[in-house]
């Protein structure tokens, strides 16, 4: 659930940055949100057995890392935003989570055979 929320937050934040709205004028905020969401996507993808998706998000996490930022021009950063936006849309589609019951249901038991 947290991964899904963070993916949508990242999509919204990157989209606002692409539109050039002043809400995302802080580059560090954008980098932090995208990097944290990318790490959550990697964790969820590994759990789901989608290793290609997890591997694809490693460069996104490294490029948007606020810990060791990479100096890029504004034009390149705009392209990185588009790539991040597309990657999170793909992740939302690819990581469909199925709801599971917290406890085994007694109504879904298989009936026992009579001897």
N, C-alpha and C. Protein backbone atom coordinates (compact mmCIF):
# COMPACT_ATOMS: atom_id res chain seq x y z
N UNK A 1 0.83 -1.20 0.00
CA UNK A 1 0.00 0.00 0.00
C UNK A 1 0.87 1.26 0.00
N UNK A 2 1.92 1.24 0.83
CA UNK A 2 2.81 2.39 0.89
C UNK A 2 3.51 2.61 -0.45
N UNK A 3 3.89 1.51 -1.09
CA UNK A 3 4.55 1.62 -2.39
C UNK A 3 3.62 2.25 -3.41
N UNK A 4 2.37 1.84 -3.42
CA UNK A 4 1.40 2.38 -4.37
C UNK A 4 1.18 3.87 -4.12
N UNK A 5 1.07 4.27 -2.87
CA UNK A 5 0.87 5.68 -2.54
C UNK A 5 2.09 6.50 -2.96
N UNK A 6 3.28 5.99 -2.66
CA UNK A 6 4.49 6.73 -3.02
C UNK A 6 4.68 6.81 -4.53
N UNK A 7 4.27 5.77 -5.26
CA UNK A 7 4.37 5.84 -6.72
C UNK A 7 3.47 6.95 -7.26
N UNK A 8 2.26 7.04 -6.73
CA UNK A 8 1.35 8.08 -7.21
C UNK A 8 1.82 9.47 -6.77
N UNK A 9 2.39 9.57 -5.58
CA UNK A 9 2.95 10.85 -5.14
C UNK A 9 4.09 11.27 -6.06
N UNK A 10 4.93 10.31 -6.42
CA UNK A 10 6.04 10.61 -7.34
C UNK A 10 5.53 11.03 -8.71
N UNK A 11 4.51 10.37 -9.20
CA UNK A 11 3.94 10.74 -10.50
C UNK A 11 3.43 12.17 -10.45
N UNK A 12 2.73 12.51 -9.39
CA UNK A 12 2.18 13.87 -9.27
C UNK A 12 3.30 14.90 -9.14
N UNK A 13 4.29 14.63 -8.30
CA UNK A 13 5.38 15.58 -8.10
C UNK A 13 6.19 15.77 -9.38
N UNK A 14 6.50 14.70 -10.08
CA UNK A 14 7.26 14.82 -11.33
C UNK A 14 6.43 15.53 -12.38
N UNK A 15 5.13 15.25 -12.43
CA UNK A 15 4.27 15.93 -13.39
C UNK A 15 4.20 17.43 -13.11
N UNK A 16 4.11 17.80 -11.84
CA UNK A 16 4.12 19.22 -11.48
C UNK A 16 5.44 19.87 -11.85
N UNK A 17 6.54 19.13 -11.69
CA UNK A 17 7.84 19.66 -12.07
C UNK A 17 7.93 19.83 -13.59
N UNK A 18 7.34 18.90 -14.32
CA UNK A 18 7.35 19.01 -15.78
C UNK A 18 6.55 20.21 -16.25
N UNK A 19 5.48 20.53 -15.52
CA UNK A 19 4.67 21.70 -15.87
C UNK A 19 5.34 23.00 -15.45
N UNK A 20 6.36 22.90 -14.61
CA UNK A 20 7.09 24.08 -14.17
C UNK A 20 6.38 24.86 -13.08
N UNK A 21 5.53 24.21 -12.32
CA UNK A 21 4.83 24.88 -11.23
C UNK A 21 5.78 25.15 -10.07
N UNK A 22 5.58 26.24 -9.36
CA UNK A 22 6.50 26.61 -8.28
C UNK A 22 6.44 25.68 -7.07
N UNK A 23 5.48 24.77 -7.03
CA UNK A 23 5.38 23.84 -5.91
C UNK A 23 6.63 22.97 -5.83
N UNK A 24 7.19 22.63 -6.98
CA UNK A 24 8.36 21.75 -7.02
C UNK A 24 9.62 22.52 -7.39
N UNK A 25 9.72 23.76 -6.94
CA UNK A 25 10.91 24.55 -7.26
C UNK A 25 12.14 24.03 -6.53
N UNK A 26 11.94 23.34 -5.43
CA UNK A 26 13.05 22.76 -4.70
C UNK A 26 13.45 21.44 -5.35
N UNK A 27 14.62 21.41 -5.96
CA UNK A 27 15.10 20.22 -6.64
C UNK A 27 15.35 19.09 -5.65
N UNK A 28 15.75 19.43 -4.42
CA UNK A 28 16.04 18.41 -3.41
C UNK A 28 14.76 17.67 -3.02
N UNK A 29 13.64 18.36 -2.93
CA UNK A 29 12.37 17.72 -2.60
C UNK A 29 12.00 16.72 -3.68
N UNK A 30 12.11 17.13 -4.93
CA UNK A 30 11.80 16.24 -6.04
C UNK A 30 12.71 15.01 -6.02
N UNK A 31 14.00 15.24 -5.83
CA UNK A 31 14.95 14.13 -5.81
C UNK A 31 14.67 13.17 -4.66
N UNK A 32 14.33 13.70 -3.49
CA UNK A 32 14.06 12.86 -2.33
C UNK A 32 12.83 11.99 -2.54
N UNK A 33 11.76 12.59 -3.04
CA UNK A 33 10.52 11.84 -3.26
C UNK A 33 10.72 10.76 -4.30
N UNK A 34 11.36 11.10 -5.41
CA UNK A 34 11.55 10.12 -6.48
C UNK A 34 12.51 9.01 -6.05
N UNK A 35 13.56 9.36 -5.34
CA UNK A 35 14.52 8.36 -4.88
C UNK A 35 13.87 7.39 -3.87
N UNK A 36 13.14 7.92 -2.91
CA UNK A 36 12.47 7.06 -1.91
C UNK A 36 11.43 6.17 -2.58
N UNK A 37 10.67 6.73 -3.50
CA UNK A 37 9.67 5.94 -4.21
C UNK A 37 10.33 4.87 -5.06
N UNK A 38 11.45 5.21 -5.68
CA UNK A 38 12.17 4.23 -6.49
C UNK A 38 12.67 3.06 -5.65
N UNK A 39 13.16 3.36 -4.46
CA UNK A 39 13.60 2.29 -3.57
C UNK A 39 12.44 1.38 -3.16
N UNK A 40 11.28 1.98 -2.91
CA UNK A 40 10.10 1.17 -2.58
C UNK A 40 9.64 0.33 -3.76
N UNK A 41 9.73 0.89 -4.96
CA UNK A 41 9.36 0.12 -6.16
C UNK A 41 10.31 -1.05 -6.34
N UNK A 42 11.60 -0.82 -6.12
CA UNK A 42 12.58 -1.92 -6.24
C UNK A 42 12.24 -3.02 -5.25
N UNK A 43 11.94 -2.65 -4.02
CA UNK A 43 11.59 -3.66 -3.00
C UNK A 43 10.35 -4.44 -3.40
N UNK A 44 9.33 -3.74 -3.87
CA UNK A 44 8.09 -4.40 -4.26
C UNK A 44 8.30 -5.28 -5.50
N UNK A 45 9.11 -4.82 -6.44
CA UNK A 45 9.36 -5.60 -7.65
C UNK A 45 10.13 -6.87 -7.33
N UNK A 46 11.09 -6.79 -6.42
CA UNK A 46 11.83 -7.99 -6.03
C UNK A 46 10.90 -8.98 -5.33
N UNK A 47 10.03 -8.48 -4.47
CA UNK A 47 9.06 -9.36 -3.81
C UNK A 47 8.13 -10.03 -4.80
N UNK A 48 7.78 -9.31 -5.88
CA UNK A 48 6.87 -9.86 -6.89
C UNK A 48 7.62 -10.70 -7.92
N UNK A 49 8.93 -10.76 -7.84
CA UNK A 49 9.70 -11.56 -8.76
C UNK A 49 9.92 -10.88 -10.11
N UNK A 50 9.72 -9.58 -10.17
CA UNK A 50 9.91 -8.82 -11.41
C UNK A 50 11.27 -8.13 -11.35
N UNK A 51 12.31 -8.92 -11.59
CA UNK A 51 13.68 -8.45 -11.44
C UNK A 51 14.08 -7.46 -12.52
N UNK A 52 13.49 -7.55 -13.69
CA UNK A 52 13.78 -6.60 -14.75
C UNK A 52 13.31 -5.19 -14.37
N UNK A 53 12.13 -5.10 -13.78
CA UNK A 53 11.62 -3.81 -13.32
C UNK A 53 12.49 -3.26 -12.20
N UNK A 54 12.91 -4.12 -11.29
CA UNK A 54 13.78 -3.68 -10.19
C UNK A 54 15.11 -3.18 -10.73
N UNK A 55 15.66 -3.86 -11.70
CA UNK A 55 16.93 -3.44 -12.30
C UNK A 55 16.76 -2.13 -13.05
N UNK A 56 15.61 -1.94 -13.69
CA UNK A 56 15.35 -0.70 -14.41
C UNK A 56 15.24 0.51 -13.51
N UNK A 57 14.86 0.31 -12.27
CA UNK A 57 14.72 1.43 -11.35
C UNK A 57 16.02 1.79 -10.64
N UNK A 58 17.04 0.95 -10.73
CA UNK A 58 18.32 1.29 -10.12
C UNK A 58 18.93 2.57 -10.68
N UNK A 59 18.96 2.78 -12.01
CA UNK A 59 19.49 4.05 -12.51
C UNK A 59 18.65 5.26 -12.09
N UNK A 60 17.35 5.08 -11.97
CA UNK A 60 16.49 6.19 -11.55
C UNK A 60 16.81 6.58 -10.11
N UNK A 61 17.01 5.59 -9.26
CA UNK A 61 17.36 5.87 -7.86
C UNK A 61 18.71 6.58 -7.79
N UNK A 62 19.67 6.12 -8.59
CA UNK A 62 20.99 6.73 -8.57
C UNK A 62 20.97 8.15 -9.15
N UNK A 63 20.21 8.37 -10.22
CA UNK A 63 20.17 9.70 -10.84
C UNK A 63 19.45 10.73 -9.97
N UNK A 64 18.43 10.29 -9.23
CA UNK A 64 17.65 11.21 -8.42
C UNK A 64 18.08 11.19 -6.95
N UNK A 65 19.20 10.59 -6.64
CA UNK A 65 19.66 10.48 -5.25
C UNK A 65 20.02 11.87 -4.70
N UNK A 66 19.39 12.29 -3.59
CA UNK A 66 19.76 13.57 -2.99
C UNK A 66 21.06 13.47 -2.19
N UNK A 67 21.51 12.26 -1.91
CA UNK A 67 22.73 12.07 -1.13
C UNK A 67 23.96 12.38 -1.98
N UNK A 68 23.98 11.86 -3.20
CA UNK A 68 25.10 12.14 -4.11
C UNK A 68 24.54 12.65 -5.43
N UNK A 69 24.14 13.92 -5.45
CA UNK A 69 23.51 14.45 -6.67
C UNK A 69 24.50 14.54 -7.84
N UNK A 70 23.96 14.33 -9.02
CA UNK A 70 24.74 14.44 -10.23
C UNK A 70 24.39 15.77 -10.87
N UNK A 71 25.41 16.56 -11.17
CA UNK A 71 25.18 17.88 -11.76
C UNK A 71 24.83 17.72 -13.23
N UNK A 72 23.62 18.14 -13.58
CA UNK A 72 23.15 18.09 -14.96
C UNK A 72 22.54 19.43 -15.32
N UNK A 73 22.47 19.69 -16.60
CA UNK A 73 21.86 20.94 -17.05
C UNK A 73 20.34 20.86 -16.88
N UNK A 74 19.69 21.99 -17.02
CA UNK A 74 18.23 22.04 -16.87
C UNK A 74 17.54 21.21 -17.94
N UNK A 75 18.10 21.22 -19.14
CA UNK A 75 17.49 20.44 -20.23
C UNK A 75 17.59 18.93 -19.96
N UNK A 76 18.75 18.49 -19.49
CA UNK A 76 18.93 17.07 -19.17
C UNK A 76 18.04 16.69 -18.00
N UNK A 77 17.92 17.57 -17.01
CA UNK A 77 17.06 17.29 -15.86
C UNK A 77 15.59 17.17 -16.29
N UNK A 78 15.19 17.96 -17.28
CA UNK A 78 13.84 17.85 -17.81
C UNK A 78 13.63 16.48 -18.45
N UNK A 79 14.61 15.99 -19.20
CA UNK A 79 14.52 14.66 -19.80
C UNK A 79 14.49 13.58 -18.72
N UNK A 80 15.26 13.76 -17.69
CA UNK A 80 15.24 12.80 -16.58
C UNK A 80 13.87 12.77 -15.90
N UNK A 81 13.24 13.92 -15.79
CA UNK A 81 11.89 13.97 -15.23
C UNK A 81 10.91 13.19 -16.09
N UNK A 82 11.01 13.34 -17.42
CA UNK A 82 10.13 12.59 -18.32
C UNK A 82 10.37 11.09 -18.19
N UNK A 83 11.63 10.70 -18.11
CA UNK A 83 11.95 9.28 -17.96
C UNK A 83 11.42 8.74 -16.64
N UNK A 84 11.60 9.49 -15.56
CA UNK A 84 11.07 9.09 -14.26
C UNK A 84 9.55 9.00 -14.25
N UNK A 85 8.91 9.96 -14.90
CA UNK A 85 7.45 9.96 -15.00
C UNK A 85 6.97 8.70 -15.71
N UNK A 86 7.59 8.38 -16.85
CA UNK A 86 7.21 7.19 -17.61
C UNK A 86 7.49 5.92 -16.82
N UNK A 87 8.62 5.88 -16.12
CA UNK A 87 8.98 4.69 -15.35
C UNK A 87 7.98 4.42 -14.23
N UNK A 88 7.53 5.46 -13.55
CA UNK A 88 6.56 5.25 -12.48
C UNK A 88 5.19 4.86 -13.03
N UNK A 89 4.84 5.36 -14.20
CA UNK A 89 3.58 4.90 -14.81
C UNK A 89 3.66 3.42 -15.17
N UNK A 90 4.81 3.00 -15.68
CA UNK A 90 4.99 1.58 -15.99
C UNK A 90 4.95 0.75 -14.71
N UNK A 91 5.54 1.25 -13.64
CA UNK A 91 5.55 0.52 -12.37
C UNK A 91 4.15 0.39 -11.79
N UNK A 92 3.33 1.42 -11.93
CA UNK A 92 1.95 1.33 -11.43
C UNK A 92 1.20 0.24 -12.17
N UNK A 93 1.44 0.14 -13.47
CA UNK A 93 0.75 -0.88 -14.26
C UNK A 93 1.31 -2.27 -13.97
N UNK A 94 2.63 -2.37 -13.86
CA UNK A 94 3.28 -3.67 -13.70
C UNK A 94 3.12 -4.26 -12.31
N UNK A 95 3.04 -3.43 -11.30
CA UNK A 95 2.98 -3.94 -9.93
C UNK A 95 1.55 -3.93 -9.41
N UNK A 96 0.75 -4.77 -9.97
CA UNK A 96 -0.62 -4.92 -9.48
C UNK A 96 -0.57 -5.79 -8.23
N UNK A 97 -1.00 -5.23 -7.13
CA UNK A 97 -1.00 -6.00 -5.89
C UNK A 97 -2.37 -6.61 -5.67
N UNK A 98 -2.36 -7.86 -5.28
CA UNK A 98 -3.62 -8.54 -4.99
C UNK A 98 -3.87 -8.48 -3.49
N UNK A 99 -5.10 -8.25 -3.16
CA UNK A 99 -5.44 -8.21 -1.75
C UNK A 99 -5.51 -9.63 -1.21
N UNK A 100 -4.96 -9.78 -0.04
CA UNK A 100 -5.02 -11.08 0.62
C UNK A 100 -5.72 -10.92 1.95
N UNK A 101 -6.34 -11.97 2.38
CA UNK A 101 -7.02 -11.94 3.66
C UNK A 101 -6.00 -12.00 4.78
N UNK A 102 -6.27 -11.29 5.86
CA UNK A 102 -5.34 -11.29 6.97
C UNK A 102 -5.37 -12.62 7.73
N UNK A 103 -6.51 -13.28 7.68
CA UNK A 103 -6.65 -14.58 8.33
C UNK A 103 -7.27 -15.54 7.33
N UNK A 104 -6.97 -16.79 7.44
CA UNK A 104 -7.62 -17.75 6.53
C UNK A 104 -9.13 -17.74 6.75
N UNK A 105 -9.84 -17.75 5.68
CA UNK A 105 -11.29 -17.72 5.76
C UNK A 105 -11.83 -19.13 5.95
N UNK A 106 -12.82 -19.28 6.82
CA UNK A 106 -13.40 -20.60 7.02
C UNK A 106 -14.45 -20.91 5.97
N UNK A 107 -14.89 -19.90 5.25
CA UNK A 107 -15.90 -20.14 4.23
C UNK A 107 -15.30 -20.63 2.92
N UNK A 108 -14.00 -20.46 2.72
CA UNK A 108 -13.35 -20.89 1.49
C UNK A 108 -12.62 -22.22 1.65
N UNK A 109 -12.96 -22.95 2.67
CA UNK A 109 -12.30 -24.24 2.87
C UNK A 109 -12.77 -25.22 1.81
N UNK A 110 -11.91 -26.13 1.46
CA UNK A 110 -12.33 -27.19 0.55
C UNK A 110 -13.06 -28.24 1.37
N UNK A 111 -14.19 -28.71 0.88
CA UNK A 111 -14.96 -29.68 1.67
C UNK A 111 -14.20 -31.02 1.77
N UNK A 112 -14.35 -31.62 2.91
CA UNK A 112 -13.69 -32.91 3.13
C UNK A 112 -14.55 -34.01 2.52
N UNK A 113 -13.85 -35.00 2.04
CA UNK A 113 -14.56 -36.13 1.44
C UNK A 113 -15.02 -37.09 2.53
N UNK A 114 -16.18 -37.60 2.31
CA UNK A 114 -16.69 -38.61 3.26
C UNK A 114 -16.06 -39.95 2.93
N UNK A 115 -15.71 -40.70 3.95
CA UNK A 115 -15.10 -42.01 3.74
C UNK A 115 -16.11 -43.04 3.55
